[in-house]
Amino acid sequence: MAGMRTKAPPTPDARGRLRQRLARQPYLLVNCGAARATLAAEREMLEALGNQNYFILHAQRAFDSFAARSKTGDQYSLTDVAAVAGVDYFTAHYWLRENIIKASVRPASGAGTGRGPLFSWTDAFCVGVIGSLRRQGLNLEISRAVSDLFAEKKRTGQRVAARGRS
């Protein structure tokens, strides 16, 4: 069949890209002392296992659990994000106001405008991970580092380590 073009495989959406990334690097390593977060493969996770400064979350399992709880669609309100992340609305609003979480579909446009923030599925997953970390007792600086990690990964599609702010 010379001359016939084959269709290129469809490009995965943000959820599919995150699923692929977590298949390669399923662990979220959080260095509590340095307020740094990174996604890692099993070998890196095992190296960090003995270090008391690290908190390890199996991000791929969290992804699967979140996918089962979340609604279908591409846009989430702050109320939706709070519900699927397991935090109350006021906590999610505080995190948004303090720039710990970010709405990538539509940023908040101010009180009383009737145009609240809209979050992507990846943003909502990130809020869910942050909620899990907060329930484990990790501080907001670490939460900010995790948020920066997922925001950076979404922008560049590359493996990066996010640093917390001091």
Protein backbone atom coordinates (compact mmCIF):
# COMPACT_ATOMS: atom_id res chain seq x y z
CA MET A 1 0.00 0.00 0.00
CA ALA A 2 2.54 2.52 -1.08
CA GLY A 3 1.45 6.10 -0.91
CA MET A 4 -1.22 5.50 1.75
CA ARG A 5 -0.95 7.69 4.78
CA THR A 6 -1.55 6.23 8.15
CA LYS A 7 -3.21 8.34 10.76
CA ALA A 8 -0.97 9.61 13.49
CA PRO A 9 -2.04 8.36 16.90
CA PRO A 10 -4.17 10.91 18.73
CA THR A 11 -2.34 13.09 21.19
CA PRO A 12 -3.39 12.36 24.75
CA ASP A 13 -5.22 14.98 26.74
CA ALA A 14 -3.84 16.36 30.01
CA ARG A 15 -5.28 13.47 32.01
CA GLY A 16 -3.72 10.95 29.62
CA ARG A 17 -0.34 12.68 29.73
CA LEU A 18 -0.40 12.68 33.53
CA ARG A 19 -1.36 8.98 33.54
CA GLN A 20 1.60 8.21 31.22
CA ARG A 21 3.98 10.25 33.38
CA LEU A 22 2.82 8.48 36.55
CA ALA A 23 3.28 5.11 34.87
CA ARG A 24 6.99 5.97 34.50
CA GLN A 25 7.38 7.83 37.81
CA PRO A 26 4.61 6.65 40.15
CA TYR A 27 5.95 8.07 43.42
CA LEU A 28 5.73 11.60 44.75
CA LEU A 29 8.80 12.24 46.90
CA VAL A 30 8.50 15.18 49.26
CA ASN A 31 11.66 16.37 51.01
CA CYS A 32 10.15 17.95 54.12
CA GLY A 33 13.39 19.59 55.23
CA ALA A 34 13.95 21.43 51.95
CA ALA A 35 10.28 21.82 50.95
CA ARG A 36 10.96 20.15 47.59
CA ALA A 37 8.79 17.75 45.65
CA THR A 38 9.51 15.53 42.68
CA LEU A 39 8.01 12.55 40.87
CA ALA A 40 10.26 9.51 40.99
CA ALA A 41 10.63 5.95 39.77
CA GLU A 42 10.82 2.99 42.16
CA ARG A 43 14.63 3.02 42.40
CA GLU A 44 14.66 6.67 43.53
CA MET A 45 11.84 5.97 45.96
CA LEU A 46 13.76 3.07 47.51
CA GLU A 47 16.84 5.30 47.92
CA ALA A 48 14.73 7.89 49.78
CA LEU A 49 12.92 5.29 51.88
CA GLY A 50 15.47 5.26 54.68
CA ASN A 51 15.70 9.06 54.88
CA GLN A 52 13.47 10.49 57.60
CA ASN A 53 13.17 13.84 55.79
CA TYR A 54 11.15 12.28 52.97
CA PHE A 55 7.43 11.70 52.75
CA ILE A 56 6.46 9.29 49.98
CA LEU A 57 3.05 9.14 48.29
CA HIS A 58 2.16 6.56 45.66
CA ALA A 59 0.89 9.14 43.17
CA GLN A 60 -0.29 6.57 40.62
CA ARG A 61 -2.66 5.01 43.17
CA ALA A 62 -3.84 8.48 44.14
CA PHE A 63 -4.47 9.19 40.45
CA ASP A 64 -6.58 6.04 40.04
CA SER A 65 -8.54 6.77 43.21
CA PHE A 66 -9.13 10.37 42.17
CA ALA A 67 -10.20 9.34 38.67
CA ALA A 68 -12.83 7.05 40.20
CA ARG A 69 -14.19 9.86 42.44
CA SER A 70 -14.10 12.74 39.97
CA LYS A 71 -16.79 13.75 37.54
CA THR A 72 -16.24 13.54 33.82
CA GLY A 73 -15.49 16.78 32.09
CA ASP A 74 -12.71 19.26 31.59
CA GLN A 75 -13.71 22.07 33.93
CA TYR A 76 -14.23 22.08 37.67
CA SER A 77 -15.53 24.83 39.92
CA LEU A 78 -13.95 25.47 43.30
CA THR A 79 -16.88 23.63 44.91
CA ASP A 80 -16.27 20.59 42.66
CA VAL A 81 -12.54 20.64 43.37
CA ALA A 82 -13.08 20.84 47.12
CA ALA A 83 -15.56 17.94 47.03
CA VAL A 84 -13.42 15.53 45.02
CA ALA A 85 -10.28 16.52 46.96
CA GLY A 86 -11.94 15.84 50.29
CA VAL A 87 -11.51 19.33 51.75
CA ASP A 88 -14.15 21.88 52.63
CA TYR A 89 -14.87 24.86 50.37
CA PHE A 90 -13.34 27.40 52.74
CA THR A 91 -10.05 25.49 52.89
CA ALA A 92 -9.90 25.29 49.08
CA HIS A 93 -10.76 29.01 48.86
CA TYR A 94 -7.97 29.85 51.32
CA TRP A 95 -5.48 27.81 49.29
CA LEU A 96 -6.58 29.63 46.14
CA ARG A 97 -6.30 33.03 47.79
CA GLU A 98 -2.83 32.18 49.13
CA ASN A 99 -1.76 30.96 45.65
CA ILE A 100 -1.14 27.42 46.87
CA ILE A 101 -3.50 26.07 44.21
CA LYS A 102 -4.01 27.58 40.79
CA ALA A 103 -6.93 27.53 38.37
CA SER A 104 -5.54 27.08 34.87
CA VAL A 105 -8.79 27.12 32.87
CA ARG A 106 -10.04 30.45 34.21
CA PRO A 107 -8.37 32.32 37.08
CA ALA A 108 -10.50 33.90 39.79
CA SER A 109 -11.71 37.32 38.69
CA GLY A 110 -12.54 38.93 42.01
CA ALA A 111 -15.34 38.87 44.53
CA GLY A 112 -18.84 39.59 43.31
CA THR A 113 -18.14 39.16 39.61
CA GLY A 114 -20.01 35.87 39.34
CA ARG A 115 -17.06 34.41 37.48
CA GLY A 116 -15.35 32.02 39.83
CA PRO A 117 -12.20 30.12 38.98
CA LEU A 118 -12.33 27.04 36.77
CA PHE A 119 -9.87 24.21 37.26
CA SER A 120 -8.64 21.57 34.83
CA TRP A 121 -8.68 17.88 35.76
CA THR A 122 -4.94 18.05 36.49
CA ASP A 123 -5.48 21.08 38.76
CA ALA A 124 -8.20 19.17 40.62
CA PHE A 125 -5.93 16.13 41.00
CA CYS A 126 -3.19 18.38 42.39
CA VAL A 127 -5.64 19.78 44.97
CA GLY A 128 -6.51 16.21 45.93
CA VAL A 129 -2.83 15.36 46.45
CA ILE A 130 -2.35 18.50 48.53
CA GLY A 131 -5.39 17.57 50.62
CA SER A 132 -3.87 14.13 51.25
CA LEU A 133 -0.55 15.66 52.27
CA ARG A 134 -2.25 18.14 54.61
CA ARG A 135 -4.21 15.32 56.27
CA GLN A 136 -0.86 13.62 56.89
CA GLY A 137 0.34 16.77 58.68
CA LEU A 138 2.63 18.28 56.04
CA ASN A 139 2.81 22.08 56.01
CA LEU A 140 1.66 24.63 53.43
CA GLU A 141 5.19 25.28 52.11
CA ILE A 142 5.35 21.64 51.04
CA SER A 143 1.84 21.95 49.59
CA ARG A 144 3.04 24.94 47.56
CA ALA A 145 6.04 22.94 46.30
CA VAL A 146 3.73 20.12 45.16
CA SER A 147 1.44 22.62 43.43
CA ASP A 148 4.42 24.18 41.67
CA LEU A 149 5.60 20.72 40.60
CA PHE A 150 2.31 19.84 38.91
CA ALA A 151 1.96 23.32 37.38
CA GLU A 152 5.49 23.13 35.97
CA LYS A 153 4.98 19.63 34.63
CA LYS A 154 1.76 20.68 32.95
CA ARG A 155 3.46 23.64 31.24
CA THR A 156 6.64 21.94 30.06
CA GLY A 157 5.87 18.23 30.06
CA GLN A 158 9.36 17.66 31.47
CA ARG A 159 10.58 16.16 34.70
CA VAL A 160 11.38 18.96 37.13
CA ALA A 161 11.72 19.42 40.87
CA ALA A 162 9.71 22.19 42.44
CA ARG A 163 11.14 24.26 45.24
CA GLY A 164 9.08 25.71 48.04
CA ARG A 165 9.17 29.40 48.77
CA SER A 166 10.71 30.68 51.94
